[in-house]
Amino acid sequence: MVKTRSEARIIVCDPRVHGGEPIIRGTRVPVRSIALARNEDGLAPAEIAAEFNVDIAAVDAALAYYDAHRAEIERIIDRHERATHKA
């Protein structure tokens, strides 16, 4: 997995947070939530930053990570949707 310099500092995986899925460093905000805010809710990066109380650089890094690792994040999104809708 190749990361840009900014991604390497901002996007991390911590097994103690959200099962180790990619998050914004220093927060519990997963990349999947940032991607869904853009892709499903149609929010602009500035709106996403305000919604999740993170800076715009973190949103940009999360979106870049999503774009570079789309299949991985889509699998995480699918897994969470199945778990949420499980009866």
PDB file of N, CA and C in Angstrom:
ATOM      1  N   MET A   1       0.847  -1.170   0.000  1.00  0.00           N
ATOM      2  CA  MET A   1       0.000   0.000   0.000  1.00  0.00           C
ATOM      3  C   MET A   1       0.892   1.232   0.000  1.00  0.00           C
ATOM      4  N   VAL A   2       0.776   2.067  -1.014  1.00  0.00           N
ATOM      5  CA  VAL A   2       1.572   3.274  -1.135  1.00  0.00           C
ATOM      6  C   VAL A   2       0.785   4.442  -0.552  1.00  0.00           C
ATOM      7  N   LYS A   3       1.481   5.228   0.258  1.00  0.00           N
ATOM      8  CA  LYS A   3       0.836   6.390   0.869  1.00  0.00           C
ATOM      9  C   LYS A   3       1.628   7.646   0.512  1.00  0.00           C
ATOM     10  N   THR A   4       0.918   8.763   0.343  1.00  0.00           N
ATOM     11  CA  THR A   4       1.619  10.025   0.167  1.00  0.00           C
ATOM     12  C   THR A   4       2.181  10.434   1.508  1.00  0.00           C
ATOM     13  N   ARG A   5       3.060  11.405   1.505  1.00  0.00           N
ATOM     14  CA  ARG A   5       3.647  11.853   2.773  1.00  0.00           C
ATOM     15  C   ARG A   5       2.561  12.336   3.737  1.00  0.00           C
ATOM     16  N   SER A   6       1.596  13.111   3.232  1.00  0.00           N
ATOM     17  CA  SER A   6       0.550  13.615   4.115  1.00  0.00           C
ATOM     18  C   SER A   6      -0.346  12.491   4.630  1.00  0.00           C
ATOM     19  N   GLU A   7      -0.656  11.512   3.760  1.00  0.00           N
ATOM     20  CA  GLU A   7      -1.468  10.380   4.207  1.00  0.00           C
ATOM     21  C   GLU A   7      -0.758   9.610   5.312  1.00  0.00           C
ATOM     22  N   ALA A   8       0.536   9.421   5.147  1.00  0.00           N
ATOM     23  CA  ALA A   8       1.298   8.643   6.123  1.00  0.00           C
ATOM     24  C   ALA A   8       1.245   9.293   7.497  1.00  0.00           C
ATOM     25  N   ARG A   9       1.145  10.577   7.564  1.00  0.00           N
ATOM     26  CA  ARG A   9       1.083  11.276   8.845  1.00  0.00           C
ATOM     27  C   ARG A   9      -0.341  11.420   9.367  1.00  0.00           C
ATOM     28  N   ILE A  10      -1.294  11.458   8.479  1.00  0.00           N
ATOM     29  CA  ILE A  10      -2.668  11.775   8.887  1.00  0.00           C
ATOM     30  C   ILE A  10      -3.549  10.536   8.976  1.00  0.00           C
ATOM     31  N   ILE A  11      -3.435   9.611   8.063  1.00  0.00           N
ATOM     32  CA  ILE A  11      -4.279   8.417   8.055  1.00  0.00           C
ATOM     33  C   ILE A  11      -3.502   7.268   8.689  1.00  0.00           C
ATOM     34  N   VAL A  12      -4.085   6.685   9.720  1.00  0.00           N
ATOM     35  CA  VAL A  12      -3.434   5.605  10.456  1.00  0.00           C
ATOM     36  C   VAL A  12      -4.416   4.463  10.684  1.00  0.00           C
ATOM     37  N   CYS A  13      -3.879   3.317  11.047  1.00  0.00           N
ATOM     38  CA  CYS A  13      -4.688   2.169  11.440  1.00  0.00           C
ATOM     39  C   CYS A  13      -4.269   1.786  12.847  1.00  0.00           C
ATOM     40  N   ASP A  14      -5.205   1.808  13.768  1.00  0.00           N
ATOM     41  CA  ASP A  14      -4.947   1.449  15.157  1.00  0.00           C
ATOM     42  C   ASP A  14      -5.899   0.311  15.509  1.00  0.00           C
ATOM     43  N   PRO A  15      -5.378  -0.866  15.843  1.00  0.00           N
ATOM     44  CA  PRO A  15      -6.258  -2.000  16.117  1.00  0.00           C
ATOM     45  C   PRO A  15      -7.222  -1.761  17.277  1.00  0.00           C
ATOM     46  N   ARG A  16      -6.964  -0.740  18.085  1.00  0.00           N
ATOM     47  CA  ARG A  16      -7.846  -0.429  19.210  1.00  0.00           C
ATOM     48  C   ARG A  16      -8.994   0.494  18.824  1.00  0.00           C
ATOM     49  N   VAL A  17      -8.963   1.010  17.601  1.00  0.00           N
ATOM     50  CA  VAL A  17      -9.985   1.965  17.153  1.00  0.00           C
ATOM     51  C   VAL A  17     -10.656   1.413  15.897  1.00  0.00           C
ATOM     52  N   HIS A  18     -11.957   1.202  15.969  1.00  0.00           N
ATOM     53  CA  HIS A  18     -12.748   0.713  14.829  1.00  0.00           C
ATOM     54  C   HIS A  18     -12.140  -0.538  14.194  1.00  0.00           C
ATOM     55  N   GLY A  19     -11.632  -1.422  15.027  1.00  0.00           N
ATOM     56  CA  GLY A  19     -11.100  -2.688  14.524  1.00  0.00           C
ATOM     57  C   GLY A  19      -9.895  -2.556  13.616  1.00  0.00           C
ATOM     58  N   GLY A  20      -9.210  -1.447  13.671  1.00  0.00           N
ATOM     59  CA  GLY A  20      -8.006  -1.256  12.871  1.00  0.00           C
ATOM     60  C   GLY A  20      -8.237  -0.666  11.494  1.00  0.00           C
ATOM     61  N   GLU A  21      -9.471  -0.255  11.197  1.00  0.00           N
ATOM     62  CA  GLU A  21      -9.703   0.354   9.885  1.00  0.00           C
ATOM     63  C   GLU A  21      -9.039   1.734   9.844  1.00  0.00           C
ATOM     64  N   PRO A  22      -8.744   2.261   8.653  1.00  0.00           N
ATOM     65  CA  PRO A  22      -8.071   3.556   8.533  1.00  0.00           C
ATOM     66  C   PRO A  22      -8.911   4.685   9.145  1.00  0.00           C
ATOM     67  N   ILE A  23      -8.228   5.496   9.957  1.00  0.00           N
ATOM     68  CA  ILE A  23      -8.856   6.642  10.623  1.00  0.00           C
ATOM     69  C   ILE A  23      -7.955   7.860  10.484  1.00  0.00           C
ATOM     70  N   ILE A  24      -8.501   9.015  10.826  1.00  0.00           N
ATOM     71  CA  ILE A  24      -7.703  10.239  10.904  1.00  0.00           C
ATOM     72  C   ILE A  24      -6.971  10.222  12.239  1.00  0.00           C
ATOM     73  N   ARG A  25      -5.638  10.352  12.177  1.00  0.00           N
ATOM     74  CA  ARG A  25      -4.800  10.316  13.379  1.00  0.00           C
ATOM     75  C   ARG A  25      -5.337  11.284  14.445  1.00  0.00           C
ATOM     76  N   GLY A  26      -5.352  10.805  15.683  1.00  0.00           N
ATOM     77  CA  GLY A  26      -5.770  11.644  16.802  1.00  0.00           C
ATOM     78  C   GLY A  26      -7.270  11.755  16.959  1.00  0.00           C
ATOM     79  N   THR A  27      -8.012  11.021  16.138  1.00  0.00           N
ATOM     80  CA  THR A  27      -9.476  11.048  16.220  1.00  0.00           C
ATOM     81  C   THR A  27      -9.982   9.615  16.156  1.00  0.00           C
ATOM     82  N   ARG A  28     -11.269   9.463  16.231  1.00  0.00           N
ATOM     83  CA  ARG A  28     -11.914   8.182  15.987  1.00  0.00           C
ATOM     84  C   ARG A  28     -12.712   8.239  14.680  1.00  0.00           C
ATOM     85  N   VAL A  29     -12.363   9.192  13.811  1.00  0.00           N
ATOM     86  CA  VAL A  29     -13.092   9.410  12.560  1.00  0.00           C
ATOM     87  C   VAL A  29     -12.526   8.491  11.479  1.00  0.00           C
ATOM     88  N   PRO A  30     -13.316   7.512  11.029  1.00  0.00           N
ATOM     89  CA  PRO A  30     -12.832   6.603   9.990  1.00  0.00           C
ATOM     90  C   PRO A  30     -12.905   7.222   8.597  1.00  0.00           C
ATOM     91  N   VAL A  31     -11.989   6.780   7.759  1.00  0.00           N
ATOM     92  CA  VAL A  31     -11.978   7.213   6.362  1.00  0.00           C
ATOM     93  C   VAL A  31     -13.325   6.906   5.713  1.00  0.00           C
ATOM     94  N   ARG A  32     -13.938   5.768   6.075  1.00  0.00           N
ATOM     95  CA  ARG A  32     -15.228   5.402   5.474  1.00  0.00           C
ATOM     96  C   ARG A  32     -16.276   6.479   5.719  1.00  0.00           C
ATOM     97  N   SER A  33     -16.278   7.094   6.900  1.00  0.00           N
ATOM     98  CA  SER A  33     -17.265   8.141   7.200  1.00  0.00           C
ATOM     99  C   SER A  33     -17.037   9.383   6.348  1.00  0.00           C
ATOM    100  N   ILE A  34     -15.778   9.722   6.134  1.00  0.00           N
ATOM    101  CA  ILE A  34     -15.450  10.874   5.290  1.00  0.00           C
ATOM    102  C   ILE A  34     -15.889  10.583   3.852  1.00  0.00           C
ATOM    103  N   ALA A  35     -15.588   9.375   3.377  1.00  0.00           N
ATOM    104  CA  ALA A  35     -15.970   8.994   2.012  1.00  0.00           C
ATOM    105  C   ALA A  35     -17.480   8.999   1.845  1.00  0.00           C
ATOM    106  N   LEU A  36     -18.202   8.459   2.813  1.00  0.00           N
ATOM    107  CA  LEU A  36     -19.663   8.439   2.726  1.00  0.00           C
ATOM    108  C   LEU A  36     -20.243   9.855   2.750  1.00  0.00           C
ATOM    109  N   ALA A  37     -19.647  10.731   3.542  1.00  0.00           N
ATOM    110  CA  ALA A  37     -20.125  12.113   3.599  1.00  0.00           C
ATOM    111  C   ALA A  37     -20.009  12.780   2.234  1.00  0.00           C
ATOM    112  N   ARG A  38     -18.927  12.471   1.525  1.00  0.00           N
ATOM    113  CA  ARG A  38     -18.765  13.035   0.179  1.00  0.00           C
ATOM    114  C   ARG A  38     -19.646  12.304  -0.832  1.00  0.00           C
ATOM    115  N   ASN A  39     -19.548  10.982  -0.847  1.00  0.00           N
ATOM    116  CA  ASN A  39     -20.176  10.199  -1.917  1.00  0.00           C
ATOM    117  C   ASN A  39     -21.682  10.036  -1.750  1.00  0.00           C
ATOM    118  N   GLU A  40     -22.146   9.840  -0.550  1.00  0.00           N
ATOM    119  CA  GLU A  40     -23.577   9.598  -0.305  1.00  0.00           C
ATOM    120  C   GLU A  40     -24.326  10.883   0.049  1.00  0.00           C
ATOM    121  N   ASP A  41     -23.694  11.724   0.878  1.00  0.00           N
ATOM    122  CA  ASP A  41     -24.368  12.938   1.348  1.00  0.00           C
ATOM    123  C   ASP A  41     -24.091  14.153   0.474  1.00  0.00           C
ATOM    124  N   GLY A  42     -23.091  14.039  -0.401  1.00  0.00           N
ATOM    125  CA  GLY A  42     -22.781  15.136  -1.313  1.00  0.00           C
ATOM    126  C   GLY A  42     -22.153  16.347  -0.652  1.00  0.00           C
ATOM    127  N   LEU A  43     -21.513  16.143   0.496  1.00  0.00           N
ATOM    128  CA  LEU A  43     -20.901  17.268   1.198  1.00  0.00           C
ATOM    129  C   LEU A  43     -19.571  17.653   0.569  1.00  0.00           C
ATOM    130  N   ALA A  44     -19.281  18.931   0.593  1.00  0.00           N
ATOM    131  CA  ALA A  44     -17.993  19.451   0.139  1.00  0.00           C
ATOM    132  C   ALA A  44     -16.967  19.240   1.255  1.00  0.00           C
ATOM    133  N   PRO A  45     -15.687  19.215   0.927  1.00  0.00           N
ATOM    134  CA  PRO A  45     -14.663  19.005   1.960  1.00  0.00           C
ATOM    135  C   PRO A  45     -14.775  19.948   3.164  1.00  0.00           C
ATOM    136  N   ALA A  46     -15.075  21.206   2.926  1.00  0.00           N
ATOM    137  CA  ALA A  46     -15.208  22.150   4.043  1.00  0.00           C
ATOM    138  C   ALA A  46     -16.384  21.770   4.944  1.00  0.00           C
ATOM    139  N   GLU A  47     -17.462  21.308   4.343  1.00  0.00           N
ATOM    140  CA  GLU A  47     -18.629  20.879   5.128  1.00  0.00           C
ATOM    141  C   GLU A  47     -18.296  19.612   5.932  1.00  0.00           C
ATOM    142  N   ILE A  48     -17.545  18.712   5.316  1.00  0.00           N
ATOM    143  CA  ILE A  48     -17.148  17.484   6.011  1.00  0.00           C
ATOM    144  C   ILE A  48     -16.252  17.829   7.200  1.00  0.00           C
ATOM    145  N   ALA A  49     -15.306  18.732   6.984  1.00  0.00           N
ATOM    146  CA  ALA A  49     -14.410  19.149   8.066  1.00  0.00           C
ATOM    147  C   ALA A  49     -15.213  19.706   9.240  1.00  0.00           C
ATOM    148  N   ALA A  50     -16.195  20.538   8.952  1.00  0.00           N
ATOM    149  CA  ALA A  50     -17.027  21.108  10.014  1.00  0.00           C
ATOM    150  C   ALA A  50     -17.864  20.030  10.698  1.00  0.00           C
ATOM    151  N   GLU A  51     -18.430  19.120   9.915  1.00  0.00           N
ATOM    152  CA  GLU A  51     -19.282  18.057  10.462  1.00  0.00           C
ATOM    153  C   GLU A  51     -18.524  17.150  11.422  1.00  0.00           C
ATOM    154  N   PHE A  52     -17.275  16.821  11.087  1.00  0.00           N
ATOM    155  CA  PHE A  52     -16.497  15.885  11.889  1.00  0.00           C
ATOM    156  C   PHE A  52     -15.491  16.575  12.801  1.00  0.00           C
ATOM    157  N   ASN A  53     -15.472  17.900  12.784  1.00  0.00           N
ATOM    158  CA  ASN A  53     -14.581  18.684  13.636  1.00  0.00           C
ATOM    159  C   ASN A  53     -13.111  18.307  13.415  1.00  0.00           C
ATOM    160  N   VAL A  54     -12.730  18.248  12.144  1.00  0.00           N
ATOM    161  CA  VAL A  54     -11.339  18.002  11.763  1.00  0.00           C
ATOM    162  C   VAL A  54     -10.938  19.081  10.768  1.00  0.00           C
ATOM    163  N   ASP A  55      -9.634  19.232  10.549  1.00  0.00           N
ATOM    164  CA  ASP A  55      -9.227  20.266   9.599  1.00  0.00           C
ATOM    165  C   ASP A  55      -9.329  19.770   8.159  1.00  0.00           C
ATOM    166  N   ILE A  56      -9.312  20.703   7.246  1.00  0.00           N
ATOM    167  CA  ILE A  56      -9.509  20.385   5.844  1.00  0.00           C
ATOM    168  C   ILE A  56      -8.398  19.489   5.321  1.00  0.00           C
ATOM    169  N   ALA A  57      -7.174  19.629   5.826  1.00  0.00           N
ATOM    170  CA  ALA A  57      -6.070  18.767   5.392  1.00  0.00           C
ATOM    171  C   ALA A  57      -6.363  17.307   5.732  1.00  0.00           C
ATOM    172  N   ALA A  58      -6.993  17.069   6.877  1.00  0.00           N
ATOM    173  CA  ALA A  58      -7.354  15.702   7.258  1.00  0.00           C
ATOM    174  C   ALA A  58      -8.423  15.142   6.326  1.00  0.00           C
ATOM    175  N   VAL A  59      -9.387  15.970   5.969  1.00  0.00           N
ATOM    176  CA  VAL A  59     -10.427  15.542   5.018  1.00  0.00           C
ATOM    177  C   VAL A  59      -9.792  15.229   3.666  1.00  0.00           C
ATOM    178  N   ASP A  60      -8.929  16.102   3.192  1.00  0.00           N
ATOM    179  CA  ASP A  60      -8.261  15.877   1.917  1.00  0.00           C
ATOM    180  C   ASP A  60      -7.447  14.577   1.940  1.00  0.00           C
ATOM    181  N   ALA A  61      -6.734  14.335   3.036  1.00  0.00           N
ATOM    182  CA  ALA A  61      -5.942  13.106   3.150  1.00  0.00           C
ATOM    183  C   ALA A  61      -6.842  11.875   3.184  1.00  0.00           C
ATOM    184  N   ALA A  62      -7.959  11.972   3.902  1.00  0.00           N
ATOM    185  CA  ALA A  62      -8.895  10.840   3.979  1.00  0.00           C
ATOM    186  C   ALA A  62      -9.508  10.551   2.610  1.00  0.00           C
ATOM    187  N   LEU A  63      -9.869  11.593   1.879  1.00  0.00           N
ATOM    188  CA  LEU A  63     -10.441  11.395   0.542  1.00  0.00           C
ATOM    189  C   LEU A  63      -9.396  10.855  -0.435  1.00  0.00           C
ATOM    190  N   ALA A  64      -8.161  11.314  -0.312  1.00  0.00           N
ATOM    191  CA  ALA A  64      -7.085  10.790  -1.157  1.00  0.00           C
ATOM    192  C   ALA A  64      -6.840   9.321  -0.829  1.00  0.00           C
ATOM    193  N   TYR A  65      -6.882   8.988   0.453  1.00  0.00           N
ATOM    194  CA  TYR A  65      -6.710   7.590   0.857  1.00  0.00           C
ATOM    195  C   TYR A  65      -7.839   6.747   0.287  1.00  0.00           C
ATOM    196  N   TYR A  66      -9.060   7.227   0.423  1.00  0.00           N
ATOM    197  CA  TYR A  66     -10.205   6.502  -0.140  1.00  0.00           C
ATOM    198  C   TYR A  66     -10.031   6.298  -1.646  1.00  0.00           C
ATOM    199  N   ASP A  67      -9.679   7.353  -2.360  1.00  0.00           N
ATOM    200  CA  ASP A  67      -9.536   7.252  -3.812  1.00  0.00           C
ATOM    201  C   ASP A  67      -8.437   6.261  -4.194  1.00  0.00           C
ATOM    202  N   ALA A  68      -7.371   6.187  -3.406  1.00  0.00           N
ATOM    203  CA  ALA A  68      -6.262   5.279  -3.698  1.00  0.00           C
ATOM    204  C   ALA A  68      -6.528   3.844  -3.242  1.00  0.00           C
ATOM    205  N   HIS A  69      -7.471   3.679  -2.294  1.00  0.00           N
ATOM    206  CA  HIS A  69      -7.748   2.356  -1.704  1.00  0.00           C
ATOM    207  C   HIS A  69      -9.245   2.070  -1.709  1.00  0.00           C
ATOM    208  N   ARG A  70      -9.865   2.435  -2.800  1.00  0.00           N
ATOM    209  CA  ARG A  70     -11.329   2.365  -2.910  1.00  0.00           C
ATOM    210  C   ARG A  70     -11.885   0.980  -2.584  1.00  0.00           C
ATOM    211  N   ALA A  71     -11.299  -0.078  -3.116  1.00  0.00           N
ATOM    212  CA  ALA A  71     -11.826  -1.434  -2.884  1.00  0.00           C
ATOM    213  C   ALA A  71     -11.778  -1.785  -1.399  1.00  0.00           C
ATOM    214  N   GLU A  72     -10.691  -1.448  -0.736  1.00  0.00           N
ATOM    215  CA  GLU A  72     -10.549  -1.724   0.699  1.00  0.00           C
ATOM    216  C   GLU A  72     -11.630  -0.999   1.503  1.00  0.00           C
ATOM    217  N   ILE A  73     -11.804   0.284   1.248  1.00  0.00           N
ATOM    218  CA  ILE A  73     -12.773   1.076   2.011  1.00  0.00           C
ATOM    219  C   ILE A  73     -14.196   0.642   1.674  1.00  0.00           C
ATOM    220  N   GLU A  74     -14.471   0.311   0.427  1.00  0.00           N
ATOM    221  CA  GLU A  74     -15.811  -0.167   0.065  1.00  0.00           C
ATOM    222  C   GLU A  74     -16.139  -1.476   0.784  1.00  0.00           C
ATOM    223  N   ARG A  75     -15.139  -2.360   0.955  1.00  0.00           N
ATOM    224  CA  ARG A  75     -15.372  -3.599   1.724  1.00  0.00           C
ATOM    225  C   ARG A  75     -15.706  -3.273   3.182  1.00  0.00           C
ATOM    226  N   ILE A  76     -15.018  -2.306   3.747  1.00  0.00           N
ATOM    227  CA  ILE A  76     -15.293  -1.888   5.130  1.00  0.00           C
ATOM    228  C   ILE A  76     -16.699  -1.311   5.227  1.00  0.00           C
ATOM    229  N   ILE A  77     -17.073  -0.469   4.268  1.00  0.00           N
ATOM    230  CA  ILE A  77     -18.419   0.113   4.257  1.00  0.00           C
ATOM    231  C   ILE A  77     -19.465  -0.988   4.168  1.00  0.00           C
ATOM    232  N   ASP A  78     -19.281  -1.933   3.268  1.00  0.00           N
ATOM    233  CA  ASP A  78     -20.227  -3.041   3.121  1.00  0.00           C
ATOM    234  C   ASP A  78     -20.348  -3.843   4.411  1.00  0.00           C
ATOM    235  N   ARG A  79     -19.213  -4.126   5.038  1.00  0.00           N
ATOM    236  CA  ARG A  79     -19.228  -4.877   6.296  1.00  0.00           C
ATOM    237  C   ARG A  79     -20.015  -4.133   7.380  1.00  0.00           C
ATOM    238  N   HIS A  80     -19.813  -2.837   7.470  1.00  0.00           N
ATOM    239  CA  HIS A  80     -20.531  -2.046   8.478  1.00  0.00           C
ATOM    240  C   HIS A  80     -22.019  -1.960   8.166  1.00  0.00           C
ATOM    241  N   GLU A  81     -22.369  -1.854   6.907  1.00  0.00           N
ATOM    242  CA  GLU A  81     -23.780  -1.810   6.534  1.00  0.00           C
ATOM    243  C   GLU A  81     -24.468  -3.126   6.866  1.00  0.00           C
ATOM    244  N   ARG A  82     -23.803  -4.251   6.590  1.00  0.00           N
ATOM    245  CA  ARG A  82     -24.380  -5.559   6.933  1.00  0.00           C
ATOM    246  C   ARG A  82     -24.548  -5.715   8.442  1.00  0.00           C
ATOM    247  N   ALA A  83     -23.568  -5.277   9.196  1.00  0.00           N
ATOM    248  CA  ALA A  83     -23.633  -5.382  10.666  1.00  0.00           C
ATOM    249  C   ALA A  83     -24.735  -4.480  11.227  1.00  0.00           C
ATOM    250  N   THR A  84     -24.908  -3.303  10.636  1.00  0.00           N
ATOM    251  CA  THR A  84     -25.909  -2.354  11.107  1.00  0.00           C
ATOM    252  C   THR A  84     -27.320  -2.825  10.800  1.00  0.00           C
ATOM    253  N   HIS A  85     -27.506  -3.472   9.651  1.00  0.00           N
ATOM    254  CA  HIS A  85     -28.831  -3.892   9.231  1.00  0.00           C
ATOM    255  C   HIS A  85     -29.138  -5.344   9.598  1.00  0.00           C
ATOM    256  N   LYS A  86     -28.257  -5.960  10.356  1.00  0.00           N
ATOM    257  CA  LYS A  86     -28.468  -7.338  10.780  1.00  0.00           C
ATOM    258  C   LYS A  86     -29.618  -7.385  11.783  1.00  0.00           C
ATOM    259  N   ALA A  87     -30.518  -8.299  11.585  1.00  0.00           N
ATOM    260  CA  ALA A  87     -31.692  -8.378  12.469  1.00  0.00           C
ATOM    261  C   ALA A  87     -31.479  -9.406  13.560  1.00  0.00           C
TER     262      ALA A  87
END
